[in-house]
Amino acid sequence: MTAQAPESIEIDGESHALCSEPLSMYNALGGGLPEFEGFWSTAIRRGYLGTWEIKGDRLYLIAIKALRKSGRFETADEILSGGYADLGELFPGYPNRVFAHWYSGTLRIPQGKEIEYVHAGFASEFERDLLIQVERGVVTNTSIRHNGEAPEDAPDSYRVAAWWTP
């Protein structure tokens, strides 16, 4: 499996790479989102990129870029030019943000330099991981896991793709 492009999460006004997929739990619980088409890259096997936010100890989905199997969005150019599904389409009545009440689990936000690149999922290792425990959309705990030191010339943490702007 290819290493996956991270989603993004805003915490205290700062954007970070998110190496978790909170929206996948929505469909697993019967949420009923449409089936997404694969992107032009194997690095986005889930078929979408989400932007999340933690505000007032709550997790929200605030933007999404997705290709839908309906054929509405057929090419990479369409998604890059803004022809993508928005939150109001996917969650009627919630065009600006959706409280992630369906999500319980740990959000992983890599920090620091890369210790080891692994060409599979989100398996690459970084100096630290900010771990945010969430229960039904509410943050219950935050901790930092120290994974070791990277060489001086190692690349910095994941960078969210420049074109991914909600």
C-alpha atoms as a PDB file:
ATOM      1  CA  MET A   1       0.000   0.000   0.000  1.00  0.00           C
ATOM      2  CA  THR A   2       1.158   3.526  -0.753  1.00  0.00           C
ATOM      3  CA  ALA A   3       1.889   6.036   2.002  1.00  0.00           C
ATOM      4  CA  GLN A   4      -1.252   8.137   2.392  1.00  0.00           C
ATOM      5  CA  ALA A   5      -1.668  11.897   2.119  1.00  0.00           C
ATOM      6  CA  PRO A   6      -2.803  13.272   5.455  1.00  0.00           C
ATOM      7  CA  GLU A   7      -5.966  15.210   6.075  1.00  0.00           C
ATOM      8  CA  SER A   8      -5.599  18.507   7.907  1.00  0.00           C
ATOM      9  CA  ILE A   9      -6.737  19.693  11.304  1.00  0.00           C
ATOM     10  CA  GLU A  10      -6.863  23.208  12.724  1.00  0.00           C
ATOM     11  CA  ILE A  11      -6.038  23.613  16.385  1.00  0.00           C
ATOM     12  CA  ASP A  12      -5.852  27.075  17.950  1.00  0.00           C
ATOM     13  CA  GLY A  13      -5.815  28.642  14.474  1.00  0.00           C
ATOM     14  CA  GLU A  14      -2.856  26.560  13.270  1.00  0.00           C
ATOM     15  CA  SER A  15      -3.085  23.888  10.558  1.00  0.00           C
ATOM     16  CA  HIS A  16      -1.504  20.461  11.117  1.00  0.00           C
ATOM     17  CA  ALA A  17      -1.302  17.187   9.204  1.00  0.00           C
ATOM     18  CA  LEU A  18      -3.767  14.604  10.520  1.00  0.00           C
ATOM     19  CA  CYS A  19      -2.819  10.936  10.181  1.00  0.00           C
ATOM     20  CA  SER A  20      -6.248   9.590  11.089  1.00  0.00           C
ATOM     21  CA  GLU A  21      -9.487   9.181   9.119  1.00  0.00           C
ATOM     22  CA  PRO A  22     -12.399  10.211  11.379  1.00  0.00           C
ATOM     23  CA  LEU A  23     -14.916  10.241   8.514  1.00  0.00           C
ATOM     24  CA  SER A  24     -14.379   6.531   7.832  1.00  0.00           C
ATOM     25  CA  MET A  25     -16.126   5.742  11.129  1.00  0.00           C
ATOM     26  CA  TYR A  26     -19.208   7.697   9.982  1.00  0.00           C
ATOM     27  CA  ASN A  27     -19.849   5.327   7.108  1.00  0.00           C
ATOM     28  CA  ALA A  28     -18.885   2.278   9.156  1.00  0.00           C
ATOM     29  CA  LEU A  29     -21.688   3.203  11.563  1.00  0.00           C
ATOM     30  CA  GLY A  30     -24.191   3.517   8.696  1.00  0.00           C
ATOM     31  CA  GLY A  31     -23.868   7.260   8.064  1.00  0.00           C
ATOM     32  CA  GLY A  32     -24.738   6.931   4.407  1.00  0.00           C
ATOM     33  CA  LEU A  33     -22.215   9.131   2.623  1.00  0.00           C
ATOM     34  CA  PRO A  34     -21.962   8.504  -1.114  1.00  0.00           C
ATOM     35  CA  GLU A  35     -19.223   6.239  -2.359  1.00  0.00           C
ATOM     36  CA  PHE A  36     -16.207   8.317  -3.310  1.00  0.00           C
ATOM     37  CA  GLU A  37     -14.252   7.826  -6.494  1.00  0.00           C
ATOM     38  CA  GLY A  38     -10.527   7.268  -6.111  1.00  0.00           C
ATOM     39  CA  PHE A  39      -8.394  10.329  -6.685  1.00  0.00           C
ATOM     40  CA  TRP A  40      -5.785  10.414  -9.428  1.00  0.00           C
ATOM     41  CA  SER A  41      -3.265   9.364  -6.794  1.00  0.00           C
ATOM     42  CA  THR A  42      -2.926   6.121  -4.848  1.00  0.00           C
ATOM     43  CA  ALA A  43      -1.914   8.322  -1.894  1.00  0.00           C
ATOM     44  CA  ILE A  44      -5.612   9.166  -1.332  1.00  0.00           C
ATOM     45  CA  ARG A  45      -7.241   5.739  -1.376  1.00  0.00           C
ATOM     46  CA  ARG A  46     -10.171   6.956   0.745  1.00  0.00           C
ATOM     47  CA  GLY A  47     -11.267   9.208  -2.148  1.00  0.00           C
ATOM     48  CA  TYR A  48     -11.467  12.467  -0.211  1.00  0.00           C
ATOM     49  CA  LEU A  49      -9.454  14.961   1.804  1.00  0.00           C
ATOM     50  CA  GLY A  50     -11.048  16.479   4.874  1.00  0.00           C
ATOM     51  CA  THR A  51     -10.229  19.523   6.937  1.00  0.00           C
ATOM     52  CA  TRP A  52     -11.058  19.181  10.605  1.00  0.00           C
ATOM     53  CA  GLU A  53     -11.084  21.606  13.516  1.00  0.00           C
ATOM     54  CA  ILE A  54     -10.982  21.288  17.260  1.00  0.00           C
ATOM     55  CA  LYS A  55     -12.940  24.103  18.816  1.00  0.00           C
ATOM     56  CA  GLY A  56     -14.098  24.190  22.414  1.00  0.00           C
ATOM     57  CA  ASP A  57     -12.960  20.578  22.923  1.00  0.00           C
ATOM     58  CA  ARG A  58     -15.163  19.376  20.055  1.00  0.00           C
ATOM     59  CA  LEU A  59     -14.125  17.839  16.747  1.00  0.00           C
ATOM     60  CA  TYR A  60     -15.706  19.285  13.597  1.00  0.00           C
ATOM     61  CA  LEU A  61     -15.407  18.519   9.904  1.00  0.00           C
ATOM     62  CA  ILE A  62     -15.178  21.976   8.293  1.00  0.00           C
ATOM     63  CA  ALA A  63     -14.378  21.188   4.645  1.00  0.00           C
ATOM     64  CA  ILE A  64     -14.067  18.271   2.265  1.00  0.00           C
ATOM     65  CA  LYS A  65     -12.812  17.701  -1.243  1.00  0.00           C
ATOM     66  CA  ALA A  66     -14.212  14.546  -2.772  1.00  0.00           C
ATOM     67  CA  LEU A  67     -14.745  12.911  -6.121  1.00  0.00           C
ATOM     68  CA  ARG A  68     -18.074  11.110  -6.266  1.00  0.00           C
ATOM     69  CA  LYS A  69     -18.743   7.869  -8.100  1.00  0.00           C
ATOM     70  CA  SER A  70     -21.766   9.494  -9.718  1.00  0.00           C
ATOM     71  CA  GLY A  71     -19.425  10.824 -12.377  1.00  0.00           C
ATOM     72  CA  ARG A  72     -20.110  14.425 -11.413  1.00  0.00           C
ATOM     73  CA  PHE A  73     -16.405  14.979 -10.815  1.00  0.00           C
ATOM     74  CA  GLU A  74     -14.525  12.999 -13.405  1.00  0.00           C
ATOM     75  CA  THR A  75     -11.059  14.519 -13.589  1.00  0.00           C
ATOM     76  CA  ALA A  76      -8.356  15.886 -11.328  1.00  0.00           C
ATOM     77  CA  ASP A  77      -8.791  19.267 -13.047  1.00  0.00           C
ATOM     78  CA  GLU A  78     -12.401  19.439 -11.867  1.00  0.00           C
ATOM     79  CA  ILE A  79     -11.491  18.912  -8.243  1.00  0.00           C
ATOM     80  CA  LEU A  80      -8.539  21.291  -8.412  1.00  0.00           C
ATOM     81  CA  SER A  81     -10.716  24.022  -9.920  1.00  0.00           C
ATOM     82  CA  GLY A  82     -13.271  23.740  -7.137  1.00  0.00           C
ATOM     83  CA  GLY A  83     -15.767  21.282  -8.663  1.00  0.00           C
ATOM     84  CA  TYR A  84     -16.022  19.110  -5.576  1.00  0.00           C
ATOM     85  CA  ALA A  85     -18.658  18.061  -3.107  1.00  0.00           C
ATOM     86  CA  ASP A  86     -19.152  20.482  -0.241  1.00  0.00           C
ATOM     87  CA  LEU A  87     -20.356  19.852   3.292  1.00  0.00           C
ATOM     88  CA  GLY A  88     -23.892  21.038   2.547  1.00  0.00           C
ATOM     89  CA  GLU A  89     -24.207  18.362  -0.134  1.00  0.00           C
ATOM     90  CA  LEU A  90     -22.848  15.563   2.019  1.00  0.00           C
ATOM     91  CA  PHE A  91     -24.488  16.728   5.265  1.00  0.00           C
ATOM     92  CA  PRO A  92     -27.674  18.627   4.302  1.00  0.00           C
ATOM     93  CA  GLY A  93     -28.331  21.517   6.644  1.00  0.00           C
ATOM     94  CA  TYR A  94     -24.686  21.776   7.715  1.00  0.00           C
ATOM     95  CA  PRO A  95     -22.828  23.775   5.032  1.00  0.00           C
ATOM     96  CA  ASN A  96     -20.067  25.196   7.278  1.00  0.00           C
ATOM     97  CA  ARG A  97     -19.211  22.559   9.867  1.00  0.00           C
ATOM     98  CA  VAL A  98     -20.357  19.181  11.092  1.00  0.00           C
ATOM     99  CA  PHE A  99     -19.892  18.033  14.679  1.00  0.00           C
ATOM    100  CA  ALA A 100     -18.157  14.633  14.495  1.00  0.00           C
ATOM    101  CA  HIS A 101     -20.420  12.973  17.087  1.00  0.00           C
ATOM    102  CA  TRP A 102     -19.830   9.605  15.377  1.00  0.00           C
ATOM    103  CA  TYR A 103     -16.086   9.584  16.037  1.00  0.00           C
ATOM    104  CA  SER A 104     -14.447   7.907  19.001  1.00  0.00           C
ATOM    105  CA  GLY A 105     -10.758   7.122  18.832  1.00  0.00           C
ATOM    106  CA  THR A 106      -7.317   8.693  18.756  1.00  0.00           C
ATOM    107  CA  LEU A 107      -6.296  11.453  16.368  1.00  0.00           C
ATOM    108  CA  ARG A 108      -2.589  11.300  15.464  1.00  0.00           C
ATOM    109  CA  ILE A 109      -0.789  14.497  14.534  1.00  0.00           C
ATOM    110  CA  PRO A 110       2.889  13.888  13.681  1.00  0.00           C
ATOM    111  CA  GLN A 111       5.349  16.550  14.811  1.00  0.00           C
ATOM    112  CA  GLY A 112       9.032  17.205  14.334  1.00  0.00           C
ATOM    113  CA  LYS A 113      11.313  15.622  11.768  1.00  0.00           C
ATOM    114  CA  GLU A 114      10.813  12.305  10.053  1.00  0.00           C
ATOM    115  CA  ILE A 115      12.678   9.416  11.718  1.00  0.00           C
ATOM    116  CA  GLU A 116      11.665   6.724   9.239  1.00  0.00           C
ATOM    117  CA  TYR A 117       9.660   6.830   6.017  1.00  0.00           C
ATOM    118  CA  VAL A 118       7.359   3.847   5.541  1.00  0.00           C
ATOM    119  CA  HIS A 119       5.623   3.453   2.191  1.00  0.00           C
ATOM    120  CA  ALA A 120       2.341   2.253   3.708  1.00  0.00           C
ATOM    121  CA  GLY A 121      -0.655   4.095   5.122  1.00  0.00           C
ATOM    122  CA  PHE A 122       0.310   6.503   7.908  1.00  0.00           C
ATOM    123  CA  ALA A 123       3.139   4.290   9.177  1.00  0.00           C
ATOM    124  CA  SER A 124       5.998   6.793   8.780  1.00  0.00           C
ATOM    125  CA  GLU A 125       7.530   7.719  12.127  1.00  0.00           C
ATOM    126  CA  PHE A 126       8.262  11.251  13.329  1.00  0.00           C
ATOM    127  CA  GLU A 127      10.015  12.608  16.412  1.00  0.00           C
ATOM    128  CA  ARG A 128       6.733  13.159  18.251  1.00  0.00           C
ATOM    129  CA  ASP A 129       3.041  12.410  17.869  1.00  0.00           C
ATOM    130  CA  LEU A 130       0.388  14.637  19.353  1.00  0.00           C
ATOM    131  CA  LEU A 131      -2.344  12.171  20.346  1.00  0.00           C
ATOM    132  CA  ILE A 132      -5.845  13.499  20.917  1.00  0.00           C
ATOM    133  CA  GLN A 133      -8.332  11.080  22.425  1.00  0.00           C
ATOM    134  CA  VAL A 134     -11.910  11.733  21.293  1.00  0.00           C
ATOM    135  CA  GLU A 135     -15.111  10.179  22.622  1.00  0.00           C
ATOM    136  CA  ARG A 136     -18.263  10.780  20.523  1.00  0.00           C
ATOM    137  CA  GLY A 137     -16.736  13.929  19.067  1.00  0.00           C
ATOM    138  CA  VAL A 138     -15.535  15.404  22.368  1.00  0.00           C
ATOM    139  CA  VAL A 139     -11.832  15.657  23.268  1.00  0.00           C
ATOM    140  CA  THR A 140     -11.189  13.740  26.473  1.00  0.00           C
ATOM    141  CA  ASN A 141      -7.377  13.672  26.636  1.00  0.00           C
ATOM    142  CA  THR A 142      -4.294  15.019  24.874  1.00  0.00           C
ATOM    143  CA  SER A 143      -0.782  13.616  25.155  1.00  0.00           C
ATOM    144  CA  ILE A 144       2.533  13.669  23.327  1.00  0.00           C
ATOM    145  CA  ARG A 145       4.386  10.478  22.461  1.00  0.00           C
ATOM    146  CA  HIS A 146       8.139  10.872  21.979  1.00  0.00           C
ATOM    147  CA  ASN A 147       9.442   8.498  19.298  1.00  0.00           C
ATOM    148  CA  GLY A 148      13.142   9.395  19.220  1.00  0.00           C
ATOM    149  CA  GLU A 149      15.507  11.749  17.434  1.00  0.00           C
ATOM    150  CA  ALA A 150      15.752  12.187  13.691  1.00  0.00           C
ATOM    151  CA  PRO A 151      18.976  12.950  11.842  1.00  0.00           C
ATOM    152  CA  GLU A 152      19.633  16.684  11.408  1.00  0.00           C
ATOM    153  CA  ASP A 153      19.040  16.536   7.659  1.00  0.00           C
ATOM    154  CA  ALA A 154      15.722  14.654   7.968  1.00  0.00           C
ATOM    155  CA  PRO A 155      12.623  16.236   6.390  1.00  0.00           C
ATOM    156  CA  ASP A 156      10.093  18.015   8.563  1.00  0.00           C
ATOM    157  CA  SER A 157       6.700  16.569   9.422  1.00  0.00           C
ATOM    158  CA  TYR A 158       4.008  15.935   6.805  1.00  0.00           C
ATOM    159  CA  ARG A 159       3.122  18.956   4.788  1.00  0.00           C
ATOM    160  CA  VAL A 160      -0.466  19.399   3.656  1.00  0.00           C
ATOM    161  CA  ALA A 161      -0.557  19.688  -0.139  1.00  0.00           C
ATOM    162  CA  ALA A 162      -0.519  23.333  -1.295  1.00  0.00           C
ATOM    163  CA  TRP A 163      -3.601  22.866  -3.474  1.00  0.00           C
ATOM    164  CA  TRP A 164      -5.727  21.627  -0.618  1.00  0.00           C
ATOM    165  CA  THR A 165      -7.440  24.832   0.394  1.00  0.00           C
ATOM    166  CA  PRO A 166     -10.999  24.598   1.716  1.00  0.00           C
END
